[in-house]
């Protein structure tokens, strides 16, 4: 329904942990990642190295940055991260997030994505490697970021085990994913984050804890960060309306055509409340070696 293909897929739900899994991995999965898929078109910022004096007072300046509303730092606040840390983003596409982080002062940063056409060099040592993660150097990273990537991967245990090998002993694996919670119970097949067939697995908090334990990790912190999209986009799907109605148009339906400002505010307030209750439909998990 993202692009209005309206193809149907079967998902199985575990009766124990509640995790959803697509019943059969599509053979024609490329169809559902067309050239106008949003992550292929994310614009990256031009890299600008911080002046020497700012680099000299690096971690003091980082504390000040965390007090500001910087989107690139949103997920890093619960981690004791430093500008000098070695950071890897897995499945980063063109590297929008790592470019944003570099411009804030994180210079020891790189990405890996085996689906990009060729390696990308943004300059200043910031590059996106076209590799599988098992090809990277073990025990090399302080932080590995997987930002809405894991749900697209079929062999999830292998992925986490490989990430564990790449991390230093006290390193952190940050995983942001959709979560089976209240929005799914309300909308079922019309839940926007189901995103069939691109999302192979949709975890619950319970199933993520099981996956972490089976791969040598412990989840030490969970941040719920769902937004109003879980309501208004799912309502569009109920009306048989795709999220992106036109090819080559990265803009979703103008919501003001279908919802009043009061309805949108209500969706937003509900999302905040669900996050506070640990019931939001997206979450960030912070995994450490057990």
Protein backbone atom coordinates (compact mmCIF):
# COMPACT_ATOMS: atom_id res chain seq x y z
CA UNK A 1 0.00 0.00 0.00
CA UNK A 2 2.92 2.41 0.23
CA UNK A 3 2.79 2.79 -3.54
CA UNK A 4 -0.67 1.35 -4.09
CA UNK A 5 0.42 -2.00 -5.59
CA UNK A 6 -2.30 -3.70 -3.48
CA UNK A 7 -0.57 -7.11 -3.68
CA UNK A 8 -1.45 -9.51 -0.87
CA UNK A 9 0.93 -11.35 1.45
CA UNK A 10 0.47 -13.77 4.31
CA UNK A 11 2.12 -13.23 7.69
CA UNK A 12 2.33 -15.70 10.55
CA UNK A 13 2.22 -14.55 14.16
CA UNK A 14 3.99 -16.42 16.94
CA UNK A 15 1.50 -17.46 19.64
CA UNK A 16 4.22 -17.16 22.28
CA UNK A 17 6.10 -13.89 21.62
CA UNK A 18 3.73 -12.17 19.15
CA UNK A 19 6.34 -11.59 16.44
CA UNK A 20 5.02 -11.38 12.87
CA UNK A 21 6.95 -13.05 10.06
CA UNK A 22 6.16 -13.05 6.36
CA UNK A 23 5.14 -16.59 5.40
CA UNK A 24 7.23 -16.65 2.24
CA UNK A 25 10.07 -14.33 1.24
CA UNK A 26 9.09 -12.76 -2.12
CA UNK A 27 11.23 -13.79 -5.08
CA UNK A 28 10.49 -10.48 -6.80
CA UNK A 29 11.34 -8.25 -3.84
CA UNK A 30 13.06 -5.70 -6.14
CA UNK A 31 9.61 -4.71 -7.40
CA UNK A 32 8.85 -3.25 -3.98
CA UNK A 33 12.02 -1.13 -3.89
CA UNK A 34 11.48 0.99 -7.03
CA UNK A 35 13.92 3.78 -7.91
CA UNK A 36 11.60 6.30 -6.24
CA UNK A 37 11.65 4.43 -2.89
CA UNK A 38 12.29 7.11 -0.30
CA UNK A 39 15.56 5.82 1.16
CA UNK A 40 17.18 5.77 -2.29
CA UNK A 41 16.56 9.48 -2.66
CA UNK A 42 17.54 10.81 0.75
CA UNK A 43 19.75 13.85 0.23
CA UNK A 44 23.07 13.94 2.06
CA UNK A 45 24.60 17.08 3.50
CA UNK A 46 27.90 18.45 2.25
CA UNK A 47 30.60 17.56 4.77
CA UNK A 48 32.06 20.42 6.77
CA UNK A 49 34.83 19.64 9.22
CA UNK A 50 34.54 21.37 12.58
CA UNK A 51 37.14 24.09 13.29
CA UNK A 52 40.18 23.01 15.29
CA UNK A 53 39.09 24.76 18.48
CA UNK A 54 35.74 22.98 18.43
CA UNK A 55 37.47 19.65 17.89
CA UNK A 56 39.81 20.44 20.78
CA UNK A 57 36.91 20.89 23.23
CA UNK A 58 35.01 18.04 21.54
CA UNK A 59 33.27 16.14 24.33
CA UNK A 60 32.44 19.33 26.28
CA UNK A 61 30.73 20.65 23.15
CA UNK A 62 28.94 17.32 22.69
CA UNK A 63 27.24 17.71 26.06
CA UNK A 64 25.91 21.08 24.92
CA UNK A 65 24.70 19.59 21.63
CA UNK A 66 22.74 16.91 23.48
CA UNK A 67 20.79 19.65 25.23
CA UNK A 68 19.61 20.94 21.85
CA UNK A 69 17.03 19.33 19.58
CA UNK A 70 19.34 17.84 16.95
CA UNK A 71 17.58 15.04 14.99
CA UNK A 72 20.84 13.23 14.24
CA UNK A 73 21.56 12.96 17.98
CA UNK A 74 18.08 11.86 19.06
CA UNK A 75 18.94 8.16 19.36
CA UNK A 76 22.42 8.76 20.81
CA UNK A 77 21.33 10.55 23.98
CA UNK A 78 20.97 7.33 26.06
CA UNK A 79 24.51 6.23 25.11
CA UNK A 80 27.76 7.46 26.64
CA UNK A 81 29.05 8.27 23.17
CA UNK A 82 32.13 10.38 22.42
CA UNK A 83 33.23 12.23 19.29
CA UNK A 84 36.25 9.91 19.08
CA UNK A 85 34.16 6.71 19.04
CA UNK A 86 34.35 4.45 15.99
CA UNK A 87 30.82 4.33 14.57
CA UNK A 88 29.34 2.14 11.83
CA UNK A 89 25.89 2.47 10.30
CA UNK A 90 24.55 -0.71 8.68
CA UNK A 91 22.16 -0.37 5.74
CA UNK A 92 22.75 3.36 5.48
CA UNK A 93 21.96 3.90 1.79
CA UNK A 94 23.70 7.05 0.60
CA UNK A 95 24.71 7.90 4.17
CA UNK A 96 22.45 10.79 5.17
CA UNK A 97 22.72 10.07 8.90
CA UNK A 98 26.48 9.58 9.01
CA UNK A 99 27.02 12.79 7.04
CA UNK A 100 24.85 14.64 9.55
CA UNK A 101 26.81 13.10 12.43
CA UNK A 102 30.14 14.05 10.83
CA UNK A 103 29.01 17.66 10.52
CA UNK A 104 28.28 17.64 14.24
CA UNK A 105 31.79 16.42 15.05
CA UNK A 106 31.83 12.59 14.77
CA UNK A 107 34.77 12.08 12.42
CA UNK A 108 35.49 8.38 13.02
CA UNK A 109 32.39 7.19 11.19
CA UNK A 110 31.52 5.04 8.20
CA UNK A 111 28.66 3.10 6.65
CA UNK A 112 28.06 -0.21 4.94
CA UNK A 113 25.28 -1.16 2.53
CA UNK A 114 25.61 -4.09 0.16
CA UNK A 115 22.73 -2.84 -2.00
CA UNK A 116 24.26 0.46 -3.14
CA UNK A 117 25.49 0.43 -6.77
CA UNK A 118 29.08 1.23 -5.78
CA UNK A 119 31.15 2.49 -2.85
CA UNK A 120 30.57 6.14 -1.95
CA UNK A 121 33.36 8.42 -0.71
CA UNK A 122 32.01 11.58 0.91
CA UNK A 123 35.50 12.85 1.75
CA UNK A 124 37.28 13.34 5.10
CA UNK A 125 37.46 9.54 5.44
CA UNK A 126 33.68 9.17 5.45
CA UNK A 127 32.73 6.36 3.10
CA UNK A 128 29.91 3.96 2.44
CA UNK A 129 31.26 0.48 1.75
CA UNK A 130 29.50 -1.91 -0.60
CA UNK A 131 30.04 -5.06 1.49
CA UNK A 132 28.40 -7.65 3.69
CA UNK A 133 29.00 -6.94 7.36
CA UNK A 134 30.85 -10.23 7.84
CA UNK A 135 33.58 -8.80 5.58
CA UNK A 136 34.39 -6.03 8.08
CA UNK A 137 37.11 -6.03 10.75
CA UNK A 138 36.08 -7.68 14.07
CA UNK A 139 36.26 -5.90 17.43
CA UNK A 140 36.50 -2.56 15.68
CA UNK A 141 33.45 -0.43 16.59
CA UNK A 142 32.19 1.38 19.67
CA UNK A 143 28.72 1.85 18.19
CA UNK A 144 26.79 0.13 15.41
CA UNK A 145 23.58 1.78 14.21
CA UNK A 146 20.77 -0.08 12.44
CA UNK A 147 18.08 2.52 11.80
CA UNK A 148 14.94 0.81 10.48
CA UNK A 149 16.98 -1.84 8.68
CA UNK A 150 16.59 -5.06 10.68
CA UNK A 151 12.92 -5.51 9.73
CA UNK A 152 14.01 -5.81 6.08
CA UNK A 153 16.49 -8.64 6.77
CA UNK A 154 15.63 -12.36 6.53
CA UNK A 155 18.49 -13.96 8.53
CA UNK A 156 18.26 -11.86 11.66
CA UNK A 157 20.19 -14.09 14.04
CA UNK A 158 23.15 -14.14 11.66
CA UNK A 159 23.02 -10.35 11.36
CA UNK A 160 23.13 -9.80 15.12
CA UNK A 161 25.87 -12.39 15.62
CA UNK A 162 27.99 -10.65 12.98
CA UNK A 163 27.35 -7.26 14.60
CA UNK A 164 28.45 -8.72 17.94
CA UNK A 165 31.77 -9.75 16.39
CA UNK A 166 32.32 -6.23 15.07
CA UNK A 167 31.70 -4.52 18.41
CA UNK A 168 34.32 -3.81 21.02
CA UNK A 169 33.65 -5.38 24.44
CA UNK A 170 31.72 -2.40 25.80
CA UNK A 171 30.26 -1.37 22.45
CA UNK A 172 26.58 -0.78 21.76
CA UNK A 173 24.32 -2.05 18.98
CA UNK A 174 21.50 0.44 18.41
CA UNK A 175 18.45 -1.01 16.63
CA UNK A 176 15.45 1.14 15.64
CA UNK A 177 12.47 -0.87 14.33
CA UNK A 178 8.67 -0.95 14.13
CA UNK A 179 7.04 -2.73 17.05
CA UNK A 180 3.84 -4.79 17.28
CA UNK A 181 1.81 -2.79 19.76
CA UNK A 182 -1.48 -0.92 20.04
CA UNK A 183 -1.52 0.49 16.49
CA UNK A 184 -1.33 -3.04 15.06
CA UNK A 185 -4.16 -4.20 17.31
CA UNK A 186 -6.30 -1.33 16.01
CA UNK A 187 -5.50 -1.50 12.30
CA UNK A 188 -4.26 -5.07 11.68
CA UNK A 189 -3.54 -5.42 7.92
CA UNK A 190 -3.97 -1.65 7.46
CA UNK A 191 -1.24 -0.78 9.96
CA UNK A 192 1.20 1.42 8.06
CA UNK A 193 4.31 -0.10 9.68
CA UNK A 194 3.39 -3.58 8.47
CA UNK A 195 4.71 -2.35 5.11
CA UNK A 196 4.31 -5.67 3.32
CA UNK A 197 6.33 -7.21 1.80
CA UNK A 198 9.41 -5.11 2.61
CA UNK A 199 9.16 -5.85 6.33
CA UNK A 200 9.95 -9.54 6.80
CA UNK A 201 9.80 -9.50 10.61
CA UNK A 202 7.82 -7.24 12.93
CA UNK A 203 8.93 -7.76 16.49
CA UNK A 204 7.37 -7.29 19.87
CA UNK A 205 9.39 -6.18 22.89
CA UNK A 206 9.30 -9.81 24.04
CA UNK A 207 10.58 -11.24 20.75
CA UNK A 208 13.38 -8.64 20.61
CA UNK A 209 14.54 -9.71 24.05
CA UNK A 210 14.52 -13.35 22.89
CA UNK A 211 16.50 -12.48 19.73
CA UNK A 212 19.02 -10.47 21.75
CA UNK A 213 19.55 -13.28 24.28
CA UNK A 214 19.98 -15.89 21.54
CA UNK A 215 22.71 -13.83 19.87
CA UNK A 216 24.74 -12.93 22.97
CA UNK A 217 23.24 -9.53 23.75
CA UNK A 218 21.34 -7.90 26.57
CA UNK A 219 18.89 -5.04 25.97
CA UNK A 220 19.74 -2.44 28.60
CA UNK A 221 17.50 0.38 27.44
CA UNK A 222 14.44 0.83 25.20
CA UNK A 223 13.18 4.13 23.80
CA UNK A 224 9.69 4.36 22.26
CA UNK A 225 9.51 7.02 19.56
CA UNK A 226 6.34 6.47 17.53
CA UNK A 227 4.74 9.42 15.73
CA UNK A 228 1.29 10.36 14.43
CA UNK A 229 2.01 8.50 11.17
CA UNK A 230 0.84 5.32 12.89
CA UNK A 231 -2.69 6.74 12.95
CA UNK A 232 -3.20 8.99 9.93
CA UNK A 233 -1.35 6.78 7.44
CA UNK A 234 -3.17 3.67 8.69
CA UNK A 235 -6.45 5.55 8.32
CA UNK A 236 -5.52 6.26 4.69
CA UNK A 237 -4.90 2.55 4.12
CA UNK A 238 -8.35 1.80 5.56
CA UNK A 239 -9.71 4.10 2.83
CA UNK A 240 -7.69 2.14 0.22
CA UNK A 241 -5.38 5.12 -0.34
CA UNK A 242 -1.62 4.58 -0.81
CA UNK A 243 0.89 6.60 1.16
CA UNK A 244 2.66 7.87 -1.96
CA UNK A 245 0.05 8.32 -4.70
CA UNK A 246 2.38 9.24 -7.56
CA UNK A 247 5.58 7.78 -8.95
CA UNK A 248 8.66 9.93 -8.45
CA UNK A 249 6.84 11.90 -5.76
CA UNK A 250 8.40 11.53 -2.32
CA UNK A 251 5.58 13.47 -0.68
CA UNK A 252 2.83 11.57 1.08
CA UNK A 253 -0.82 12.49 0.66
CA UNK A 254 -1.46 16.01 1.95
CA UNK A 255 -3.09 15.03 5.22
CA UNK A 256 -5.07 18.26 5.47
CA UNK A 257 -7.31 16.92 2.68
CA UNK A 258 -8.52 14.10 4.92
CA UNK A 259 -8.00 15.17 8.52
CA UNK A 260 -8.75 18.32 10.43
CA UNK A 261 -6.06 20.07 12.46
CA UNK A 262 -7.88 18.86 15.59
CA UNK A 263 -7.71 15.24 14.38
CA UNK A 264 -3.99 15.57 13.61
CA UNK A 265 -3.36 17.03 17.04
CA UNK A 266 -5.28 14.13 18.57
CA UNK A 267 -3.14 11.63 16.62
CA UNK A 268 -0.02 13.38 17.89
CA UNK A 269 -1.18 13.40 21.51
CA UNK A 270 -2.12 9.71 21.32
CA UNK A 271 1.36 8.91 19.99
CA UNK A 272 3.06 10.76 22.84
CA UNK A 273 0.89 8.96 25.37
CA UNK A 274 1.59 5.53 23.85
CA UNK A 275 5.33 6.21 23.94
CA UNK A 276 5.12 7.13 27.60
CA UNK A 277 3.24 3.88 28.27
CA UNK A 278 5.74 1.76 26.29
CA UNK A 279 3.12 1.03 23.61
CA UNK A 280 4.37 3.08 20.67
CA UNK A 281 4.65 1.34 17.30
CA UNK A 282 8.35 2.15 16.84
CA UNK A 283 11.15 1.66 19.35
CA UNK A 284 14.91 1.90 19.72
CA UNK A 285 16.72 -0.94 21.48
CA UNK A 286 20.20 -0.57 22.97
CA UNK A 287 22.02 -3.90 22.97
CA UNK A 288 25.26 -4.71 24.79
CA UNK A 289 27.30 -7.90 24.89
CA UNK A 290 26.04 -10.18 27.67
